[in-house]
PDB file of N, CA and C in Angstrom:
ATOM      1  N   UNK A   1       4.624   2.549 -10.288  1.00  0.00           N
ATOM      2  CA  UNK A   1       4.809   1.310  -9.591  1.00  0.00           C
ATOM      3  C   UNK A   1       4.733   1.523  -8.109  1.00  0.00           C
ATOM      4  N   UNK A   2       5.350   2.612  -7.644  1.00  0.00           N
ATOM      5  CA  UNK A   2       5.306   2.873  -6.224  1.00  0.00           C
ATOM      6  C   UNK A   2       3.855   3.083  -5.678  1.00  0.00           C
ATOM      7  N   UNK A   3       3.030   3.698  -6.558  1.00  0.00           N
ATOM      8  CA  UNK A   3       1.610   3.872  -6.169  1.00  0.00           C
ATOM      9  C   UNK A   3       0.982   2.552  -5.915  1.00  0.00           C
ATOM     10  N   UNK A   4       1.208   1.629  -6.766  1.00  0.00           N
ATOM     11  CA  UNK A   4       0.678   0.210  -6.571  1.00  0.00           C
ATOM     12  C   UNK A   4       1.198  -0.307  -5.274  1.00  0.00           C
ATOM     13  N   UNK A   5       2.478  -0.189  -4.976  1.00  0.00           N
ATOM     14  CA  UNK A   5       3.092  -0.681  -3.809  1.00  0.00           C
ATOM     15  C   UNK A   5       2.466  -0.102  -2.532  1.00  0.00           C
ATOM     16  N   UNK A   6       2.269   1.239  -2.569  1.00  0.00           N
ATOM     17  CA  UNK A   6       1.692   1.901  -1.398  1.00  0.00           C
ATOM     18  C   UNK A   6       0.200   1.483  -1.199  1.00  0.00           C
ATOM     19  N   UNK A   7      -0.558   1.469  -2.282  1.00  0.00           N
ATOM     20  CA  UNK A   7      -2.004   1.153  -2.160  1.00  0.00           C
ATOM     21  C   UNK A   7      -2.220  -0.294  -1.735  1.00  0.00           C
ATOM     22  N   UNK A   8      -1.370  -1.171  -2.143  1.00  0.00           N
ATOM     23  CA  UNK A   8      -1.567  -2.618  -1.815  1.00  0.00           C
ATOM     24  C   UNK A   8      -0.649  -3.071  -0.700  1.00  0.00           C
ATOM     25  N   UNK A   9      -0.005  -2.176  -0.017  1.00  0.00           N
ATOM     26  CA  UNK A   9       0.881  -2.507   1.150  1.00  0.00           C
ATOM     27  C   UNK A   9       1.990  -3.466   0.743  1.00  0.00           C
ATOM     28  N   UNK A  10       2.569  -3.277  -0.408  1.00  0.00           N
ATOM     29  CA  UNK A  10       3.673  -4.103  -0.836  1.00  0.00           C
ATOM     30  C   UNK A  10       4.921  -3.347  -0.432  1.00  0.00           C
ATOM     31  N   UNK A  11       5.534  -3.740   0.625  1.00  0.00           N
ATOM     32  CA  UNK A  11       6.660  -3.049   1.244  1.00  0.00           C
ATOM     33  C   UNK A  11       8.025  -3.369   0.604  1.00  0.00           C
ATOM     34  N   UNK A  12       8.095  -4.566  -0.006  1.00  0.00           N
ATOM     35  CA  UNK A  12       9.324  -4.964  -0.577  1.00  0.00           C
ATOM     36  C   UNK A  12       9.428  -4.568  -2.058  1.00  0.00           C
ATOM     37  N   UNK A  13      10.462  -3.879  -2.435  1.00  0.00           N
ATOM     38  CA  UNK A  13      10.681  -3.454  -3.770  1.00  0.00           C
ATOM     39  C   UNK A  13      10.873  -4.619  -4.730  1.00  0.00           C
ATOM     40  N   UNK A  14      11.505  -5.684  -4.186  1.00  0.00           N
ATOM     41  CA  UNK A  14      11.708  -6.918  -4.938  1.00  0.00           C
ATOM     42  C   UNK A  14      10.353  -7.533  -5.283  1.00  0.00           C
ATOM     43  N   UNK A  15       9.513  -7.636  -4.251  1.00  0.00           N
ATOM     44  CA  UNK A  15       8.151  -8.204  -4.475  1.00  0.00           C
ATOM     45  C   UNK A  15       7.355  -7.354  -5.391  1.00  0.00           C
ATOM     46  N   UNK A  16       7.434  -6.016  -5.258  1.00  0.00           N
ATOM     47  CA  UNK A  16       6.724  -5.098  -6.146  1.00  0.00           C
ATOM     48  C   UNK A  16       7.087  -5.309  -7.599  1.00  0.00           C
ATOM     49  N   UNK A  17       8.393  -5.489  -7.851  1.00  0.00           N
ATOM     50  CA  UNK A  17       8.871  -5.724  -9.254  1.00  0.00           C
ATOM     51  C   UNK A  17       8.287  -7.059  -9.773  1.00  0.00           C
ATOM     52  N   UNK A  18       8.258  -8.033  -8.934  1.00  0.00           N
ATOM     53  CA  UNK A  18       7.722  -9.367  -9.345  1.00  0.00           C
ATOM     54  C   UNK A  18       6.239  -9.233  -9.603  1.00  0.00           C
ATOM     55  N   UNK A  19       5.488  -8.554  -8.715  1.00  0.00           N
ATOM     56  CA  UNK A  19       4.020  -8.409  -8.911  1.00  0.00           C
ATOM     57  C   UNK A  19       3.684  -7.713 -10.211  1.00  0.00           C
ATOM     58  N   UNK A  20       4.414  -6.593 -10.467  1.00  0.00           N
ATOM     59  CA  UNK A  20       4.122  -5.810 -11.735  1.00  0.00           C
ATOM     60  C   UNK A  20       4.543  -6.627 -12.919  1.00  0.00           C
ATOM     61  N   UNK A  21       5.543  -7.435 -12.794  1.00  0.00           N
ATOM     62  CA  UNK A  21       6.005  -8.267 -13.891  1.00  0.00           C
ATOM     63  C   UNK A  21       4.947  -9.348 -14.244  1.00  0.00           C
ATOM     64  N   UNK A  22       4.208  -9.878 -13.229  1.00  0.00           N
ATOM     65  CA  UNK A  22       3.268 -10.956 -13.439  1.00  0.00           C
ATOM     66  C   UNK A  22       1.851 -10.503 -13.667  1.00  0.00           C
ATOM     67  N   UNK A  23       1.430  -9.356 -13.092  1.00  0.00           N
ATOM     68  CA  UNK A  23       0.016  -8.985 -13.055  1.00  0.00           C
ATOM     69  C   UNK A  23      -0.224  -8.021 -14.250  1.00  0.00           C
ATOM     70  N   UNK A  24      -1.167  -8.458 -15.076  1.00  0.00           N
ATOM     71  CA  UNK A  24      -1.502  -7.680 -16.317  1.00  0.00           C
ATOM     72  C   UNK A  24      -2.130  -6.318 -15.977  1.00  0.00           C
ATOM     73  N   UNK A  25      -2.935  -6.295 -14.917  1.00  0.00           N
ATOM     74  CA  UNK A  25      -3.599  -4.973 -14.570  1.00  0.00           C
ATOM     75  C   UNK A  25      -2.524  -3.988 -14.041  1.00  0.00           C
ATOM     76  N   UNK A  26      -1.511  -4.498 -13.317  1.00  0.00           N
ATOM     77  CA  UNK A  26      -0.450  -3.643 -12.832  1.00  0.00           C
ATOM     78  C   UNK A  26       0.352  -3.126 -14.028  1.00  0.00           C
ATOM     79  N   UNK A  27       0.589  -4.032 -15.000  1.00  0.00           N
ATOM     80  CA  UNK A  27       1.340  -3.627 -16.191  1.00  0.00           C
ATOM     81  C   UNK A  27       0.609  -2.542 -16.942  1.00  0.00           C
ATOM     82  N   UNK A  28      -0.685  -2.706 -17.075  1.00  0.00           N
ATOM     83  CA  UNK A  28      -1.492  -1.720 -17.760  1.00  0.00           C
ATOM     84  C   UNK A  28      -1.477  -0.403 -17.060  1.00  0.00           C
ATOM     85  N   UNK A  29      -1.573  -0.392 -15.697  1.00  0.00           N
ATOM     86  CA  UNK A  29      -1.565   0.806 -14.912  1.00  0.00           C
ATOM     87  C   UNK A  29      -0.226   1.577 -15.075  1.00  0.00           C
ATOM     88  N   UNK A  30       0.832   0.752 -15.190  1.00  0.00           N
ATOM     89  CA  UNK A  30       2.230   1.280 -15.314  1.00  0.00           C
ATOM     90  C   UNK A  30       2.605   1.592 -16.794  1.00  0.00           C
ATOM     91  N   UNK A  31       1.661   1.305 -17.685  1.00  0.00           N
ATOM     92  CA  UNK A  31       1.907   1.518 -19.117  1.00  0.00           C
ATOM     93  C   UNK A  31       3.171   0.669 -19.578  1.00  0.00           C
ATOM     94  N   UNK A  32       3.213  -0.564 -19.163  1.00  0.00           N
ATOM     95  CA  UNK A  32       4.320  -1.393 -19.578  1.00  0.00           C
ATOM     96  C   UNK A  32       3.996  -2.266 -20.734  1.00  0.00           C
ATOM     97  N   UNK A  33       2.749  -2.633 -20.971  1.00  0.00           N
ATOM     98  CA  UNK A  33       2.370  -3.541 -22.048  1.00  0.00           C
ATOM     99  C   UNK A  33       2.843  -4.970 -21.722  1.00  0.00           C
ATOM    100  N   UNK A  34       2.545  -5.901 -22.643  1.00  0.00           N
ATOM    101  CA  UNK A  34       2.867  -7.296 -22.407  1.00  0.00           C
ATOM    102  C   UNK A  34       4.400  -7.540 -22.462  1.00  0.00           C
ATOM    103  N   UNK A  35       5.060  -6.807 -23.317  1.00  0.00           N
ATOM    104  CA  UNK A  35       6.493  -7.067 -23.480  1.00  0.00           C
ATOM    105  C   UNK A  35       7.377  -5.961 -22.950  1.00  0.00           C
ATOM    106  N   UNK A  36       6.760  -5.031 -22.234  1.00  0.00           N
ATOM    107  CA  UNK A  36       7.568  -3.869 -21.660  1.00  0.00           C
ATOM    108  C   UNK A  36       8.439  -4.375 -20.518  1.00  0.00           C
ATOM    109  N   UNK A  37       9.585  -3.808 -20.417  1.00  0.00           N
ATOM    110  CA  UNK A  37      10.519  -4.142 -19.318  1.00  0.00           C
ATOM    111  C   UNK A  37      10.054  -3.454 -18.011  1.00  0.00           C
ATOM    112  N   UNK A  38      10.090  -4.280 -16.959  1.00  0.00           N
ATOM    113  CA  UNK A  38       9.735  -3.847 -15.568  1.00  0.00           C
ATOM    114  C   UNK A  38      11.010  -3.591 -14.863  1.00  0.00           C
ATOM    115  N   UNK A  39      11.153  -2.367 -14.275  1.00  0.00           N
ATOM    116  CA  UNK A  39      12.390  -2.087 -13.484  1.00  0.00           C
ATOM    117  C   UNK A  39      12.596  -3.129 -12.396  1.00  0.00           C
ATOM    118  N   UNK A  40      13.917  -3.469 -12.197  1.00  0.00           N
ATOM    119  CA  UNK A  40      14.151  -4.357 -11.110  1.00  0.00           C
ATOM    120  C   UNK A  40      14.354  -3.575  -9.776  1.00  0.00           C
ATOM    121  N   UNK A  41      14.433  -4.285  -8.675  1.00  0.00           N
ATOM    122  CA  UNK A  41      14.378  -3.669  -7.303  1.00  0.00           C
ATOM    123  C   UNK A  41      15.556  -2.716  -7.075  1.00  0.00           C
ATOM    124  N   UNK A  42      16.758  -3.002  -7.571  1.00  0.00           N
ATOM    125  CA  UNK A  42      17.854  -1.964  -7.309  1.00  0.00           C
ATOM    126  C   UNK A  42      17.567  -0.613  -7.935  1.00  0.00           C
ATOM    127  N   UNK A  43      16.787  -0.561  -9.008  1.00  0.00           N
ATOM    128  CA  UNK A  43      16.457   0.708  -9.686  1.00  0.00           C
ATOM    129  C   UNK A  43      15.679   1.579  -8.732  1.00  0.00           C
ATOM    130  N   UNK A  44      14.707   1.011  -7.888  1.00  0.00           N
ATOM    131  CA  UNK A  44      13.993   1.754  -6.961  1.00  0.00           C
ATOM    132  C   UNK A  44      14.871   2.396  -5.892  1.00  0.00           C
ATOM    133  N   UNK A  45      15.816   1.639  -5.405  1.00  0.00           N
ATOM    134  CA  UNK A  45      16.772   2.108  -4.366  1.00  0.00           C
ATOM    135  C   UNK A  45      17.653   3.199  -4.895  1.00  0.00           C
ATOM    136  N   UNK A  46      18.093   2.992  -6.118  1.00  0.00           N
ATOM    137  CA  UNK A  46      18.965   4.037  -6.740  1.00  0.00           C
ATOM    138  C   UNK A  46      18.212   5.290  -6.874  1.00  0.00           C
ATOM    139  N   UNK A  47      16.989   5.231  -7.360  1.00  0.00           N
ATOM    140  CA  UNK A  47      16.228   6.501  -7.555  1.00  0.00           C
ATOM    141  C   UNK A  47      15.860   7.135  -6.240  1.00  0.00           C
ATOM    142  N   UNK A  48      15.514   6.315  -5.257  1.00  0.00           N
ATOM    143  CA  UNK A  48      15.137   6.898  -3.957  1.00  0.00           C
ATOM    144  C   UNK A  48      16.294   7.517  -3.253  1.00  0.00           C
ATOM    145  N   UNK A  49      17.459   6.866  -3.302  1.00  0.00           N
ATOM    146  CA  UNK A  49      18.603   7.434  -2.605  1.00  0.00           C
ATOM    147  C   UNK A  49      19.399   8.366  -3.443  1.00  0.00           C
ATOM    148  N   UNK A  50      19.157   8.431  -4.702  1.00  0.00           N
ATOM    149  CA  UNK A  50      19.906   9.280  -5.607  1.00  0.00           C
ATOM    150  C   UNK A  50      19.059  10.417  -6.175  1.00  0.00           C
ATOM    151  N   UNK A  51      18.297  10.145  -7.194  1.00  0.00           N
ATOM    152  CA  UNK A  51      17.603  11.113  -7.968  1.00  0.00           C
ATOM    153  C   UNK A  51      16.511  11.865  -7.156  1.00  0.00           C
ATOM    154  N   UNK A  52      15.765  11.179  -6.308  1.00  0.00           N
ATOM    155  CA  UNK A  52      14.635  11.761  -5.640  1.00  0.00           C
ATOM    156  C   UNK A  52      14.898  12.282  -4.231  1.00  0.00           C
ATOM    157  N   UNK A  53      16.137  12.013  -3.695  1.00  0.00           N
ATOM    158  CA  UNK A  53      16.477  12.452  -2.350  1.00  0.00           C
ATOM    159  C   UNK A  53      16.317  13.954  -2.149  1.00  0.00           C
ATOM    160  N   UNK A  54      16.815  14.721  -3.027  1.00  0.00           N
ATOM    161  CA  UNK A  54      16.835  16.186  -2.854  1.00  0.00           C
ATOM    162  C   UNK A  54      15.707  16.858  -3.640  1.00  0.00           C
ATOM    163  N   UNK A  55      14.807  15.998  -4.175  1.00  0.00           N
ATOM    164  CA  UNK A  55      13.703  16.557  -4.986  1.00  0.00           C
ATOM    165  C   UNK A  55      12.364  16.452  -4.185  1.00  0.00           C
ATOM    166  N   UNK A  56      11.494  17.345  -4.495  1.00  0.00           N
ATOM    167  CA  UNK A  56      10.179  17.266  -3.811  1.00  0.00           C
ATOM    168  C   UNK A  56       9.177  16.663  -4.818  1.00  0.00           C
ATOM    169  N   UNK A  57       9.627  15.905  -5.748  1.00  0.00           N
ATOM    170  CA  UNK A  57       8.789  15.308  -6.793  1.00  0.00           C
ATOM    171  C   UNK A  57       7.727  14.362  -6.154  1.00  0.00           C
ATOM    172  N   UNK A  58       8.138  13.475  -5.287  1.00  0.00           N
ATOM    173  CA  UNK A  58       7.207  12.527  -4.655  1.00  0.00           C
ATOM    174  C   UNK A  58       6.147  13.183  -3.801  1.00  0.00           C
ATOM    175  N   UNK A  59       6.598  14.246  -3.085  1.00  0.00           N
ATOM    176  CA  UNK A  59       5.647  14.996  -2.221  1.00  0.00           C
ATOM    177  C   UNK A  59       4.635  15.705  -3.146  1.00  0.00           C
ATOM    178  N   UNK A  60       5.097  16.350  -4.197  1.00  0.00           N
ATOM    179  CA  UNK A  60       4.148  16.986  -5.084  1.00  0.00           C
ATOM    180  C   UNK A  60       3.183  16.025  -5.778  1.00  0.00           C
ATOM    181  N   UNK A  61       3.686  14.812  -6.134  1.00  0.00           N
ATOM    182  CA  UNK A  61       2.890  13.741  -6.724  1.00  0.00           C
ATOM    183  C   UNK A  61       1.753  13.357  -5.737  1.00  0.00           C
ATOM    184  N   UNK A  62       2.191  13.126  -4.491  1.00  0.00           N
ATOM    185  CA  UNK A  62       1.225  12.709  -3.401  1.00  0.00           C
ATOM    186  C   UNK A  62       0.161  13.818  -3.199  1.00  0.00           C
ATOM    187  N   UNK A  63       0.587  15.067  -3.139  1.00  0.00           N
ATOM    188  CA  UNK A  63      -0.362  16.201  -2.896  1.00  0.00           C
ATOM    189  C   UNK A  63      -1.291  16.320  -4.063  1.00  0.00           C
ATOM    190  N   UNK A  64      -0.812  16.145  -5.301  1.00  0.00           N
ATOM    191  CA  UNK A  64      -1.679  16.249  -6.479  1.00  0.00           C
ATOM    192  C   UNK A  64      -2.743  15.088  -6.462  1.00  0.00           C
ATOM    193  N   UNK A  65      -2.268  13.924  -6.166  1.00  0.00           N
ATOM    194  CA  UNK A  65      -3.198  12.755  -6.084  1.00  0.00           C
ATOM    195  C   UNK A  65      -4.251  12.945  -5.035  1.00  0.00           C
ATOM    196  N   UNK A  66      -3.832  13.435  -3.880  1.00  0.00           N
ATOM    197  CA  UNK A  66      -4.714  13.658  -2.764  1.00  0.00           C
ATOM    198  C   UNK A  66      -5.795  14.675  -3.193  1.00  0.00           C
ATOM    199  N   UNK A  67      -5.378  15.768  -3.805  1.00  0.00           N
ATOM    200  CA  UNK A  67      -6.296  16.818  -4.228  1.00  0.00           C
ATOM    201  C   UNK A  67      -7.250  16.254  -5.290  1.00  0.00           C
ATOM    202  N   UNK A  68      -6.839  15.381  -6.197  1.00  0.00           N
ATOM    203  CA  UNK A  68      -7.682  14.786  -7.193  1.00  0.00           C
ATOM    204  C   UNK A  68      -8.703  13.896  -6.568  1.00  0.00           C
ATOM    205  N   UNK A  69      -8.272  13.133  -5.576  1.00  0.00           N
ATOM    206  CA  UNK A  69      -9.184  12.182  -4.896  1.00  0.00           C
ATOM    207  C   UNK A  69     -10.263  12.939  -4.123  1.00  0.00           C
ATOM    208  N   UNK A  70      -9.848  14.054  -3.507  1.00  0.00           N
ATOM    209  CA  UNK A  70     -10.825  14.932  -2.768  1.00  0.00           C
ATOM    210  C   UNK A  70     -11.805  15.484  -3.792  1.00  0.00           C
ATOM    211  N   UNK A  71     -11.320  15.993  -4.871  1.00  0.00           N
ATOM    212  CA  UNK A  71     -12.158  16.656  -5.916  1.00  0.00           C
ATOM    213  C   UNK A  71     -13.157  15.628  -6.521  1.00  0.00           C
ATOM    214  N   UNK A  72     -12.744  14.378  -6.591  1.00  0.00           N
ATOM    215  CA  UNK A  72     -13.655  13.358  -7.165  1.00  0.00           C
ATOM    216  C   UNK A  72     -14.593  12.744  -6.176  1.00  0.00           C
ATOM    217  N   UNK A  73     -14.382  13.145  -4.919  1.00  0.00           N
ATOM    218  CA  UNK A  73     -15.269  12.670  -3.811  1.00  0.00           C
ATOM    219  C   UNK A  73     -14.894  11.309  -3.290  1.00  0.00           C
ATOM    220  N   UNK A  74     -13.622  10.820  -3.639  1.00  0.00           N
ATOM    221  CA  UNK A  74     -13.138   9.526  -3.146  1.00  0.00           C
ATOM    222  C   UNK A  74     -12.690   9.514  -1.716  1.00  0.00           C
ATOM    223  N   UNK A  75     -12.263  10.624  -1.272  1.00  0.00           N
ATOM    224  CA  UNK A  75     -11.856  10.799   0.133  1.00  0.00           C
ATOM    225  C   UNK A  75     -12.379  12.161   0.651  1.00  0.00           C
ATOM    226  N   UNK A  76     -12.473  12.253   1.959  1.00  0.00           N
ATOM    227  CA  UNK A  76     -13.002  13.518   2.452  1.00  0.00           C
ATOM    228  C   UNK A  76     -11.958  14.623   2.651  1.00  0.00           C
ATOM    229  N   UNK A  77     -10.794  14.213   3.116  1.00  0.00           N
ATOM    230  CA  UNK A  77      -9.655  15.104   3.238  1.00  0.00           C
ATOM    231  C   UNK A  77      -9.712  15.916   4.554  1.00  0.00           C
ATOM    232  N   UNK A  78     -10.727  15.659   5.397  1.00  0.00           N
ATOM    233  CA  UNK A  78     -10.836  16.527   6.608  1.00  0.00           C
ATOM    234  C   UNK A  78     -10.265  15.886   7.838  1.00  0.00           C
ATOM    235  N   UNK A  79      -9.843  14.629   7.784  1.00  0.00           N
ATOM    236  CA  UNK A  79      -9.241  14.003   8.922  1.00  0.00           C
ATOM    237  C   UNK A  79      -8.770  12.574   8.616  1.00  0.00           C
ATOM    238  N   UNK A  80      -8.191  11.916   9.563  1.00  0.00           N
ATOM    239  CA  UNK A  80      -7.724  10.565   9.372  1.00  0.00           C
ATOM    240  C   UNK A  80      -7.833   9.795  10.688  1.00  0.00           C
ATOM    241  N   UNK A  81      -7.705   8.514  10.633  1.00  0.00           N
ATOM    242  CA  UNK A  81      -7.796   7.694  11.832  1.00  0.00           C
ATOM    243  C   UNK A  81      -6.670   6.666  11.850  1.00  0.00           C
ATOM    244  N   UNK A  82      -6.157   6.378  12.995  1.00  0.00           N
ATOM    245  CA  UNK A  82      -5.124   5.435  13.196  1.00  0.00           C
ATOM    246  C   UNK A  82      -5.608   4.392  14.166  1.00  0.00           C
ATOM    247  N   UNK A  83      -5.510   3.107  13.912  1.00  0.00           N
ATOM    248  CA  UNK A  83      -5.921   2.079  14.831  1.00  0.00           C
ATOM    249  C   UNK A  83      -4.664   1.613  15.580  1.00  0.00           C
ATOM    250  N   UNK A  84      -4.548   2.039  16.829  1.00  0.00           N
ATOM    251  CA  UNK A  84      -3.416   1.606  17.638  1.00  0.00           C
ATOM    252  C   UNK A  84      -3.832   0.945  18.876  1.00  0.00           C
ATOM    253  N   UNK A  85      -5.071   0.450  18.900  1.00  0.00           N
ATOM    254  CA  UNK A  85      -5.568  -0.148  20.136  1.00  0.00           C
ATOM    255  C   UNK A  85      -5.035  -1.496  20.399  1.00  0.00           C
ATOM    256  N   UNK A  86      -4.796  -1.812  21.618  1.00  0.00           N
ATOM    257  CA  UNK A  86      -4.318  -3.163  21.972  1.00  0.00           C
ATOM    258  C   UNK A  86      -5.384  -3.831  22.811  1.00  0.00           C
ATOM    259  N   UNK A  87      -5.713  -5.036  22.404  1.00  0.00           N
ATOM    260  CA  UNK A  87      -6.731  -5.794  23.058  1.00  0.00           C
ATOM    261  C   UNK A  87      -6.079  -7.049  23.732  1.00  0.00           C
ATOM    262  N   UNK A  88      -6.229  -7.187  25.004  1.00  0.00           N
ATOM    263  CA  UNK A  88      -5.725  -8.346  25.680  1.00  0.00           C
ATOM    264  C   UNK A  88      -6.550  -9.564  25.412  1.00  0.00           C
ATOM    265  N   UNK A  89      -5.898 -10.674  25.202  1.00  0.00           N
ATOM    266  CA  UNK A  89      -6.621 -11.926  24.992  1.00  0.00           C
ATOM    267  C   UNK A  89      -6.353 -12.911  26.107  1.00  0.00           C
ATOM    268  N   UNK A  90      -7.405 -13.728  26.367  1.00  0.00           N
ATOM    269  CA  UNK A  90      -7.331 -14.735  27.345  1.00  0.00           C
ATOM    270  C   UNK A  90      -7.115 -16.064  26.630  1.00  0.00           C
ATOM    271  N   UNK A  91      -5.895 -16.574  26.666  1.00  0.00           N
ATOM    272  CA  UNK A  91      -5.602 -17.782  25.861  1.00  0.00           C
ATOM    273  C   UNK A  91      -5.696 -19.048  26.744  1.00  0.00           C
ATOM    274  N   UNK A  92      -6.403 -18.954  27.809  1.00  0.00           N
ATOM    275  CA  UNK A  92      -6.508 -20.133  28.723  1.00  0.00           C
ATOM    276  C   UNK A  92      -7.518 -21.093  28.150  1.00  0.00           C
ATOM    277  N   UNK A  93      -7.140 -22.299  27.762  1.00  0.00           N
ATOM    278  CA  UNK A  93      -8.026 -23.258  27.190  1.00  0.00           C
ATOM    279  C   UNK A  93      -9.069 -23.799  28.153  1.00  0.00           C
ATOM    280  N   UNK A  94      -8.765 -23.772  29.418  1.00  0.00           N
ATOM    281  CA  UNK A  94      -9.663 -24.305  30.427  1.00  0.00           C
ATOM    282  C   UNK A  94     -10.877 -23.362  30.621  1.00  0.00           C
ATOM    283  N   UNK A  95     -10.736 -22.116  30.334  1.00  0.00           N
ATOM    284  CA  UNK A  95     -11.842 -21.167  30.506  1.00  0.00           C
ATOM    285  C   UNK A  95     -12.565 -20.788  29.181  1.00  0.00           C
ATOM    286  N   UNK A  96     -12.199 -21.406  28.125  1.00  0.00           N
ATOM    287  CA  UNK A  96     -12.772 -21.089  26.829  1.00  0.00           C
ATOM    288  C   UNK A  96     -14.211 -21.507  26.680  1.00  0.00           C
ATOM    289  N   UNK A  97     -14.938 -20.801  25.877  1.00  0.00           N
ATOM    290  CA  UNK A  97     -16.360 -21.124  25.567  1.00  0.00           C
ATOM    291  C   UNK A  97     -16.475 -21.370  24.085  1.00  0.00           C
ATOM    292  N   UNK A  98     -17.136 -22.489  23.728  1.00  0.00           N
ATOM    293  CA  UNK A  98     -17.264 -22.937  22.345  1.00  0.00           C
ATOM    294  C   UNK A  98     -18.333 -22.138  21.604  1.00  0.00           C
ATOM    295  N   UNK A  99     -18.070 -21.871  20.297  1.00  0.00           N
ATOM    296  CA  UNK A  99     -19.062 -21.333  19.392  1.00  0.00           C
ATOM    297  C   UNK A  99     -19.629 -19.956  19.801  1.00  0.00           C
ATOM    298  N   UNK A 100     -20.844 -19.743  19.540  1.00  0.00           N
ATOM    299  CA  UNK A 100     -21.488 -18.427  19.844  1.00  0.00           C
ATOM    300  C   UNK A 100     -21.966 -18.323  21.282  1.00  0.00           C
ATOM    301  N   UNK A 101     -21.734 -19.347  22.070  1.00  0.00           N
ATOM    302  CA  UNK A 101     -22.138 -19.311  23.503  1.00  0.00           C
ATOM    303  C   UNK A 101     -21.427 -18.213  24.254  1.00  0.00           C
ATOM    304  N   UNK A 102     -20.219 -17.778  23.790  1.00  0.00           N
ATOM    305  CA  UNK A 102     -19.460 -16.728  24.495  1.00  0.00           C
ATOM    306  C   UNK A 102     -19.813 -15.379  24.098  1.00  0.00           C
ATOM    307  N   UNK A 103     -20.721 -15.187  23.072  1.00  0.00           N
ATOM    308  CA  UNK A 103     -21.082 -13.860  22.665  1.00  0.00           C
ATOM    309  C   UNK A 103     -22.181 -13.294  23.481  1.00  0.00           C
ATOM    310  N   UNK A 104     -22.077 -11.899  23.709  1.00  0.00           N
ATOM    311  CA  UNK A 104     -23.143 -11.332  24.561  1.00  0.00           C
ATOM    312  C   UNK A 104     -24.513 -11.328  23.810  1.00  0.00           C
ATOM    313  N   UNK A 105     -25.586 -11.400  24.628  1.00  0.00           N
ATOM    314  CA  UNK A 105     -26.920 -11.478  23.990  1.00  0.00           C
ATOM    315  C   UNK A 105     -27.417 -10.150  23.605  1.00  0.00           C
TER     316      UNK A 105
END
């Protein structure tokens, strides 16, 4: 379930539980079936703060998945990029240009 959350940018454990509960594809991925119980959000917190805190299980899982993705050609593995650029905007309505007239030729 955490893999789904990370891949789809679902940051809330409560929302992740709801999404997996409702979405059949997520249930299939998590091997829950139609009537399988989906863990509630406190279960995630208990595991993260208790069982997995002193374990390197999640790190090993991530490294294994990364290696498999590289082996299958899904990712390159040689670098990464971060978009941290800030673009200033001119919000002055008096100077605005309508439609494509403001685009460079």
